Amino acid sequence: MLLRTIETFLRKTGMPWTKFGRLVAHDPRLVGDMRRGRQPGPAMARRIEIFINSYVEG
């Protein structure tokens, strides 16, 4: 579910997945690893949700 939310966000904003990982977790491989099965812990999941919900393009 979280990965689906991220994928939707990336499509809407046009943001590269590596940039998303860098901005959220200082880890450009975050999304790629999640696509391969990585499950973020509760704290990281919350950071991702906060980032997506507060993101303003500009």
C-alpha atoms as a PDB file:
ATOM      1  CA  MET A   1       0.000   0.000   0.000  1.00  0.00           C
ATOM      2  CA  LEU A   2       2.750   2.464   0.898  1.00  0.00           C
ATOM      3  CA  LEU A   3       4.650   1.662  -2.292  1.00  0.00           C
ATOM      4  CA  ARG A   4       1.478   2.257  -4.310  1.00  0.00           C
ATOM      5  CA  THR A   5       1.127   5.669  -2.641  1.00  0.00           C
ATOM      6  CA  ILE A   6       4.725   6.495  -3.495  1.00  0.00           C
ATOM      7  CA  GLU A   7       4.302   5.371  -7.118  1.00  0.00           C
ATOM      8  CA  THR A   8       1.185   7.543  -7.479  1.00  0.00           C
ATOM      9  CA  PHE A   9       3.038  10.513  -5.983  1.00  0.00           C
ATOM     10  CA  LEU A  10       5.956  10.011  -8.373  1.00  0.00           C
ATOM     11  CA  ARG A  11       3.635   9.856 -11.395  1.00  0.00           C
ATOM     12  CA  LYS A  12       1.736  12.992 -10.319  1.00  0.00           C
ATOM     13  CA  THR A  13       4.823  15.077  -9.613  1.00  0.00           C
ATOM     14  CA  GLY A  14       7.192  13.651 -12.208  1.00  0.00           C
ATOM     15  CA  MET A  15       9.810  13.339  -9.478  1.00  0.00           C
ATOM     16  CA  PRO A  16      12.514  10.728 -10.124  1.00  0.00           C
ATOM     17  CA  TRP A  17      12.418   7.886  -7.613  1.00  0.00           C
ATOM     18  CA  THR A  18      16.046   8.470  -6.648  1.00  0.00           C
ATOM     19  CA  LYS A  19      15.332  12.108  -5.766  1.00  0.00           C
ATOM     20  CA  PHE A  20      12.341  11.030  -3.673  1.00  0.00           C
ATOM     21  CA  GLY A  21      14.546   8.643  -1.698  1.00  0.00           C
ATOM     22  CA  ARG A  22      17.219  11.298  -1.193  1.00  0.00           C
ATOM     23  CA  LEU A  23      14.721  13.890   0.032  1.00  0.00           C
ATOM     24  CA  VAL A  24      12.844  11.540   2.357  1.00  0.00           C
ATOM     25  CA  ALA A  25      15.574   9.286   3.717  1.00  0.00           C
ATOM     26  CA  HIS A  26      18.918  10.478   2.315  1.00  0.00           C
ATOM     27  CA  ASP A  27      18.858   7.136   0.462  1.00  0.00           C
ATOM     28  CA  PRO A  28      18.476   7.305  -3.324  1.00  0.00           C
ATOM     29  CA  ARG A  29      17.867   3.529  -3.423  1.00  0.00           C
ATOM     30  CA  LEU A  30      14.848   3.620  -1.076  1.00  0.00           C
ATOM     31  CA  VAL A  31      12.147   3.236  -3.743  1.00  0.00           C
ATOM     32  CA  GLY A  32      14.165   0.771  -5.800  1.00  0.00           C
ATOM     33  CA  ASP A  33      14.703  -1.374  -2.717  1.00  0.00           C
ATOM     34  CA  MET A  34      11.004  -1.165  -1.843  1.00  0.00           C
ATOM     35  CA  ARG A  35      10.146  -2.313  -5.361  1.00  0.00           C
ATOM     36  CA  ARG A  36      12.277  -5.369  -4.627  1.00  0.00           C
ATOM     37  CA  GLY A  37      10.541  -6.095  -1.320  1.00  0.00           C
ATOM     38  CA  ARG A  38      12.139  -3.822   1.284  1.00  0.00           C
ATOM     39  CA  GLN A  39       9.673  -2.915   4.002  1.00  0.00           C
ATOM     40  CA  PRO A  40      10.387   0.375   5.768  1.00  0.00           C
ATOM     41  CA  GLY A  41      10.000   0.484   9.528  1.00  0.00           C
ATOM     42  CA  PRO A  42       7.209   2.470  11.185  1.00  0.00           C
ATOM     43  CA  ALA A  43       9.317   5.614  11.620  1.00  0.00           C
ATOM     44  CA  MET A  44      10.388   5.647   7.966  1.00  0.00           C
ATOM     45  CA  ALA A  45       6.847   4.919   6.797  1.00  0.00           C
ATOM     46  CA  ARG A  46       5.655   7.927   8.803  1.00  0.00           C
ATOM     47  CA  ARG A  47       8.393  10.143   7.300  1.00  0.00           C
ATOM     48  CA  ILE A  48       7.313   9.071   3.826  1.00  0.00           C
ATOM     49  CA  GLU A  49       3.657   9.835   4.563  1.00  0.00           C
ATOM     50  CA  ILE A  50       4.486  13.234   6.051  1.00  0.00           C
ATOM     51  CA  PHE A  51       6.657  14.122   3.061  1.00  0.00           C
ATOM     52  CA  ILE A  52       3.983  13.165   0.538  1.00  0.00           C
ATOM     53  CA  ASN A  53       1.195  14.932   2.421  1.00  0.00           C
ATOM     54  CA  SER A  54       3.160  18.150   2.882  1.00  0.00           C
ATOM     55  CA  TYR A  55       4.888  18.309  -0.521  1.00  0.00           C
ATOM     56  CA  VAL A  56       4.380  21.519  -2.453  1.00  0.00           C
ATOM     57  CA  GLU A  57       5.685  21.706  -6.015  1.00  0.00           C
ATOM     58  CA  GLY A  58       7.764  24.678  -6.791  1.00  0.00           C
END
